[in-house]
PDB file of N, CA and C in Angstrom:
ATOM      1  N   MET A   1     -31.313 -74.632  70.395  1.00  0.00           N
ATOM      2  CA  MET A   1     -31.103 -73.489  70.900  1.00  0.00           C
ATOM      3  C   MET A   1     -30.744 -72.237  70.455  1.00  0.00           C
ATOM      4  N   SER A   2     -30.968 -71.597  71.481  1.00  0.00           N
ATOM      5  CA  SER A   2     -30.849 -69.742  71.017  1.00  0.00           C
ATOM      6  C   SER A   2     -29.921 -69.542  71.788  1.00  0.00           C
ATOM      7  N   TYR A   3     -29.103 -68.189  71.672  1.00  0.00           N
ATOM      8  CA  TYR A   3     -28.229 -67.429  72.399  1.00  0.00           C
ATOM      9  C   TYR A   3     -28.951 -66.576  73.293  1.00  0.00           C
ATOM     10  N   VAL A   4     -28.909 -66.644  74.520  1.00  0.00           N
ATOM     11  CA  VAL A   4     -29.694 -66.210  75.606  1.00  0.00           C
ATOM     12  C   VAL A   4     -28.784 -64.747  75.723  1.00  0.00           C
ATOM     13  N   GLY A   5     -27.527 -64.756  75.935  1.00  0.00           N
ATOM     14  CA  GLY A   5     -26.769 -63.715  76.286  1.00  0.00           C
ATOM     15  C   GLY A   5     -26.101 -63.421  77.940  1.00  0.00           C
ATOM     16  N   PRO A   6     -25.433 -62.856  78.020  1.00  0.00           N
ATOM     17  CA  PRO A   6     -24.937 -62.728  79.578  1.00  0.00           C
ATOM     18  C   PRO A   6     -26.222 -62.676  80.645  1.00  0.00           C
ATOM     19  N   THR A   7     -26.318 -63.773  81.826  1.00  0.00           N
ATOM     20  CA  THR A   7     -26.990 -63.731  82.722  1.00  0.00           C
ATOM     21  C   THR A   7     -26.413 -63.526  84.136  1.00  0.00           C
ATOM     22  N   PRO A   8     -26.474 -62.631  84.355  1.00  0.00           N
ATOM     23  CA  PRO A   8     -25.538 -62.242  85.555  1.00  0.00           C
ATOM     24  C   PRO A   8     -26.302 -62.857  86.996  1.00  0.00           C
ATOM     25  N   PRO A   9     -25.263 -62.782  87.986  1.00  0.00           N
ATOM     26  CA  PRO A   9     -25.919 -63.590  89.470  1.00  0.00           C
ATOM     27  C   PRO A   9     -27.147 -62.827  89.860  1.00  0.00           C
ATOM     28  N   ASP A  10     -27.025 -62.536  91.162  1.00  0.00           N
ATOM     29  CA  ASP A  10     -28.165 -62.044  91.950  1.00  0.00           C
ATOM     30  C   ASP A  10     -27.644 -60.306  91.762  1.00  0.00           C
ATOM     31  N   ARG A  11     -26.550 -59.838  91.485  1.00  0.00           N
ATOM     32  CA  ARG A  11     -26.484 -58.488  91.120  1.00  0.00           C
ATOM     33  C   ARG A  11     -25.732 -57.905  89.773  1.00  0.00           C
ATOM     34  N   ASN A  12     -25.327 -56.775  89.929  1.00  0.00           N
ATOM     35  CA  ASN A  12     -24.792 -56.344  88.914  1.00  0.00           C
ATOM     36  C   ASN A  12     -23.428 -57.057  88.445  1.00  0.00           C
ATOM     37  N   HIS A  13     -23.042 -57.054  87.290  1.00  0.00           N
ATOM     38  CA  HIS A  13     -21.646 -58.082  86.866  1.00  0.00           C
ATOM     39  C   HIS A  13     -21.022 -57.670  85.885  1.00  0.00           C
ATOM     40  N   VAL A  14     -19.543 -57.696  85.875  1.00  0.00           N
ATOM     41  CA  VAL A  14     -18.665 -57.075  84.700  1.00  0.00           C
ATOM     42  C   VAL A  14     -17.994 -58.424  84.201  1.00  0.00           C
ATOM     43  N   TYR A  15     -18.577 -58.300  83.039  1.00  0.00           N
ATOM     44  CA  TYR A  15     -17.592 -59.629  82.053  1.00  0.00           C
ATOM     45  C   TYR A  15     -16.627 -58.486  81.037  1.00  0.00           C
ATOM     46  N   THR A  16     -15.783 -59.162  81.280  1.00  0.00           N
ATOM     47  CA  THR A  16     -14.140 -58.678  80.303  1.00  0.00           C
ATOM     48  C   THR A  16     -14.011 -60.049  79.050  1.00  0.00           C
ATOM     49  N   LEU A  17     -13.972 -59.570  78.088  1.00  0.00           N
ATOM     50  CA  LEU A  17     -13.760 -60.090  76.764  1.00  0.00           C
ATOM     51  C   LEU A  17     -12.549 -59.556  76.395  1.00  0.00           C
ATOM     52  N   THR A  18     -11.505 -60.169  76.233  1.00  0.00           N
ATOM     53  CA  THR A  18     -10.212 -60.157  75.315  1.00  0.00           C
ATOM     54  C   THR A  18     -10.178 -60.794  74.281  1.00  0.00           C
ATOM     55  N   VAL A  19      -9.806 -59.937  73.201  1.00  0.00           N
ATOM     56  CA  VAL A  19      -9.615 -60.827  71.447  1.00  0.00           C
ATOM     57  C   VAL A  19      -8.155 -60.459  71.345  1.00  0.00           C
ATOM     58  N   TYR A  20      -7.682 -61.766  70.770  1.00  0.00           N
ATOM     59  CA  TYR A  20      -6.080 -61.781  70.554  1.00  0.00           C
ATOM     60  C   TYR A  20      -6.021 -61.859  68.878  1.00  0.00           C
ATOM     61  N   ALA A  21      -4.962 -60.978  68.265  1.00  0.00           N
ATOM     62  CA  ALA A  21      -4.964 -61.450  66.784  1.00  0.00           C
ATOM     63  C   ALA A  21      -3.227 -61.866  67.261  1.00  0.00           C
ATOM     64  N   LEU A  22      -3.503 -62.813  66.425  1.00  0.00           N
ATOM     65  CA  LEU A  22      -2.377 -64.049  66.412  1.00  0.00           C
ATOM     66  C   LEU A  22      -1.618 -63.984  65.069  1.00  0.00           C
ATOM     67  N   ASP A  23      -0.560 -64.465  64.883  1.00  0.00           N
ATOM     68  CA  ASP A  23       0.042 -64.711  63.455  1.00  0.00           C
ATOM     69  C   ASP A  23       0.242 -66.106  62.996  1.00  0.00           C
ATOM     70  N   THR A  24      -0.918 -66.890  63.567  1.00  0.00           N
ATOM     71  CA  THR A  24      -0.533 -68.260  63.545  1.00  0.00           C
ATOM     72  C   THR A  24      -2.076 -68.952  63.838  1.00  0.00           C
ATOM     73  N   MET A  25      -2.526 -70.066  63.292  1.00  0.00           N
ATOM     74  CA  MET A  25      -3.548 -70.827  63.737  1.00  0.00           C
ATOM     75  C   MET A  25      -3.182 -71.652  64.797  1.00  0.00           C
ATOM     76  N   LEU A  26      -4.156 -71.535  65.794  1.00  0.00           N
ATOM     77  CA  LEU A  26      -3.767 -72.719  67.192  1.00  0.00           C
ATOM     78  C   LEU A  26      -4.234 -74.099  66.831  1.00  0.00           C
ATOM     79  N   ASP A  27      -3.722 -74.977  67.102  1.00  0.00           N
ATOM     80  CA  ASP A  27      -3.900 -76.195  67.300  1.00  0.00           C
ATOM     81  C   ASP A  27      -4.422 -76.961  68.454  1.00  0.00           C
ATOM     82  N   VAL A  28      -5.336 -76.417  69.080  1.00  0.00           N
ATOM     83  CA  VAL A  28      -5.983 -77.159  70.378  1.00  0.00           C
ATOM     84  C   VAL A  28      -7.181 -77.932  70.215  1.00  0.00           C
ATOM     85  N   GLU A  29      -7.400 -78.986  71.672  1.00  0.00           N
ATOM     86  CA  GLU A  29      -8.172 -79.849  71.385  1.00  0.00           C
ATOM     87  C   GLU A  29      -9.178 -79.321  72.340  1.00  0.00           C
ATOM     88  N   ASP A  30     -10.478 -79.987  72.352  1.00  0.00           N
ATOM     89  CA  ASP A  30     -11.541 -79.913  72.923  1.00  0.00           C
ATOM     90  C   ASP A  30     -10.825 -80.374  74.309  1.00  0.00           C
ATOM     91  N   GLY A  31     -11.616 -79.654  75.241  1.00  0.00           N
ATOM     92  CA  GLY A  31     -10.938 -79.661  77.197  1.00  0.00           C
ATOM     93  C   GLY A  31      -9.605 -79.009  77.359  1.00  0.00           C
ATOM     94  N   TYR A  32      -8.897 -78.555  76.414  1.00  0.00           N
ATOM     95  CA  TYR A  32      -7.773 -77.727  77.096  1.00  0.00           C
ATOM     96  C   TYR A  32      -8.276 -76.666  77.921  1.00  0.00           C
ATOM     97  N   GLN A  33      -7.246 -76.640  78.683  1.00  0.00           N
ATOM     98  CA  GLN A  33      -7.035 -75.571  79.822  1.00  0.00           C
ATOM     99  C   GLN A  33      -6.548 -74.281  79.461  1.00  0.00           C
ATOM    100  N   TRP A  34      -6.967 -73.126  80.279  1.00  0.00           N
ATOM    101  CA  TRP A  34      -6.281 -71.514  79.873  1.00  0.00           C
ATOM    102  C   TRP A  34      -4.793 -71.736  79.951  1.00  0.00           C
ATOM    103  N   ASN A  35      -4.073 -72.285  80.552  1.00  0.00           N
ATOM    104  CA  ASN A  35      -2.699 -72.394  80.740  1.00  0.00           C
ATOM    105  C   ASN A  35      -1.904 -72.875  79.632  1.00  0.00           C
ATOM    106  N   ASP A  36      -3.121 -74.035  78.204  1.00  0.00           N
ATOM    107  CA  ASP A  36      -2.544 -74.637  77.853  1.00  0.00           C
ATOM    108  C   ASP A  36      -2.356 -73.453  76.541  1.00  0.00           C
ATOM    109  N   PHE A  37      -3.534 -72.657  76.722  1.00  0.00           N
ATOM    110  CA  PHE A  37      -3.815 -71.819  75.430  1.00  0.00           C
ATOM    111  C   PHE A  37      -2.774 -70.759  75.807  1.00  0.00           C
ATOM    112  N   TYR A  38      -2.650 -69.804  76.934  1.00  0.00           N
ATOM    113  CA  TYR A  38      -1.712 -69.137  77.164  1.00  0.00           C
ATOM    114  C   TYR A  38      -0.061 -69.391  76.422  1.00  0.00           C
ATOM    115  N   LYS A  39       0.145 -70.790  76.787  1.00  0.00           N
ATOM    116  CA  LYS A  39       1.340 -71.372  76.462  1.00  0.00           C
ATOM    117  C   LYS A  39       1.532 -71.405  75.000  1.00  0.00           C
ATOM    118  N   LYS A  40       0.265 -71.272  74.080  1.00  0.00           N
ATOM    119  CA  LYS A  40       0.207 -71.729  72.455  1.00  0.00           C
ATOM    120  C   LYS A  40       0.325 -70.030  72.110  1.00  0.00           C
ATOM    121  N   ILE A  41      -0.225 -69.332  72.787  1.00  0.00           N
ATOM    122  CA  ILE A  41      -0.027 -68.059  72.375  1.00  0.00           C
ATOM    123  C   ILE A  41       1.145 -67.257  72.335  1.00  0.00           C
ATOM    124  N   ASP A  42       2.059 -67.737  73.256  1.00  0.00           N
ATOM    125  CA  ASP A  42       3.266 -67.005  73.646  1.00  0.00           C
ATOM    126  C   ASP A  42       4.127 -66.657  72.466  1.00  0.00           C
ATOM    127  N   GLY A  43       4.423 -65.835  72.272  1.00  0.00           N
ATOM    128  CA  GLY A  43       5.296 -65.349  71.039  1.00  0.00           C
ATOM    129  C   GLY A  43       4.646 -65.230  69.422  1.00  0.00           C
ATOM    130  N   HIS A  44       3.261 -65.098  69.923  1.00  0.00           N
ATOM    131  CA  HIS A  44       2.324 -65.094  68.602  1.00  0.00           C
ATOM    132  C   HIS A  44       1.533 -64.185  68.563  1.00  0.00           C
ATOM    133  N   VAL A  45       1.495 -63.311  69.599  1.00  0.00           N
ATOM    134  CA  VAL A  45      -0.072 -62.068  69.667  1.00  0.00           C
ATOM    135  C   VAL A  45       0.674 -61.037  68.956  1.00  0.00           C
ATOM    136  N   MET A  46       0.109 -60.821  67.797  1.00  0.00           N
ATOM    137  CA  MET A  46       0.222 -59.504  67.549  1.00  0.00           C
ATOM    138  C   MET A  46      -0.271 -57.936  67.561  1.00  0.00           C
ATOM    139  N   ALA A  47      -1.817 -58.203  68.520  1.00  0.00           N
ATOM    140  CA  ALA A  47      -2.255 -57.261  69.049  1.00  0.00           C
ATOM    141  C   ALA A  47      -3.423 -57.789  69.936  1.00  0.00           C
ATOM    142  N   THR A  48      -4.027 -56.992  70.584  1.00  0.00           N
ATOM    143  CA  THR A  48      -4.816 -57.524  71.808  1.00  0.00           C
ATOM    144  C   THR A  48      -6.145 -56.357  72.042  1.00  0.00           C
ATOM    145  N   VAL A  49      -7.109 -56.592  72.376  1.00  0.00           N
ATOM    146  CA  VAL A  49      -8.134 -55.441  72.546  1.00  0.00           C
ATOM    147  C   VAL A  49      -8.934 -56.292  73.935  1.00  0.00           C
ATOM    148  N   THR A  50      -9.165 -55.340  74.992  1.00  0.00           N
ATOM    149  CA  THR A  50     -10.105 -55.507  76.057  1.00  0.00           C
ATOM    150  C   THR A  50     -11.180 -54.768  75.855  1.00  0.00           C
ATOM    151  N   GLU A  51     -12.229 -55.122  76.474  1.00  0.00           N
ATOM    152  CA  GLU A  51     -13.802 -54.643  76.473  1.00  0.00           C
ATOM    153  C   GLU A  51     -14.269 -55.071  78.244  1.00  0.00           C
ATOM    154  N   SER A  52     -14.491 -54.541  78.569  1.00  0.00           N
ATOM    155  CA  SER A  52     -15.207 -54.904  80.299  1.00  0.00           C
ATOM    156  C   SER A  52     -16.975 -54.396  79.868  1.00  0.00           C
ATOM    157  N   LEU A  53     -17.555 -55.043  79.983  1.00  0.00           N
ATOM    158  CA  LEU A  53     -18.923 -54.566  79.860  1.00  0.00           C
ATOM    159  C   LEU A  53     -19.697 -54.931  81.121  1.00  0.00           C
ATOM    160  N   VAL A  54     -20.629 -54.161  81.300  1.00  0.00           N
ATOM    161  CA  VAL A  54     -21.487 -54.052  82.888  1.00  0.00           C
ATOM    162  C   VAL A  54     -22.608 -54.759  83.021  1.00  0.00           C
ATOM    163  N   VAL A  55     -23.400 -56.062  83.175  1.00  0.00           N
ATOM    164  CA  VAL A  55     -24.906 -56.262  82.762  1.00  0.00           C
ATOM    165  C   VAL A  55     -25.570 -55.679  83.868  1.00  0.00           C
ATOM    166  N   LEU A  56     -26.416 -55.003  83.945  1.00  0.00           N
ATOM    167  CA  LEU A  56     -27.187 -54.511  85.290  1.00  0.00           C
ATOM    168  C   LEU A  56     -28.203 -56.050  85.503  1.00  0.00           C
ATOM    169  N   LYS A  57     -28.539 -56.072  86.419  1.00  0.00           N
ATOM    170  CA  LYS A  57     -29.376 -57.078  87.144  1.00  0.00           C
ATOM    171  C   LYS A  57     -31.043 -56.435  87.462  1.00  0.00           C
TER     172      LYS A  57
END
């Protein structure tokens, strides 16, 4: 299997990527929910960067 990259639906699409710099390693299990992730990073975020990418169809 190889990486294909973003494949937008039938029109241009915006993908938003946020990277979090944390002061700890997270202990998350397969199948975790986003709200679990946000609870675990609470108080551990040192910095963030967000980039929006427009993929043209």
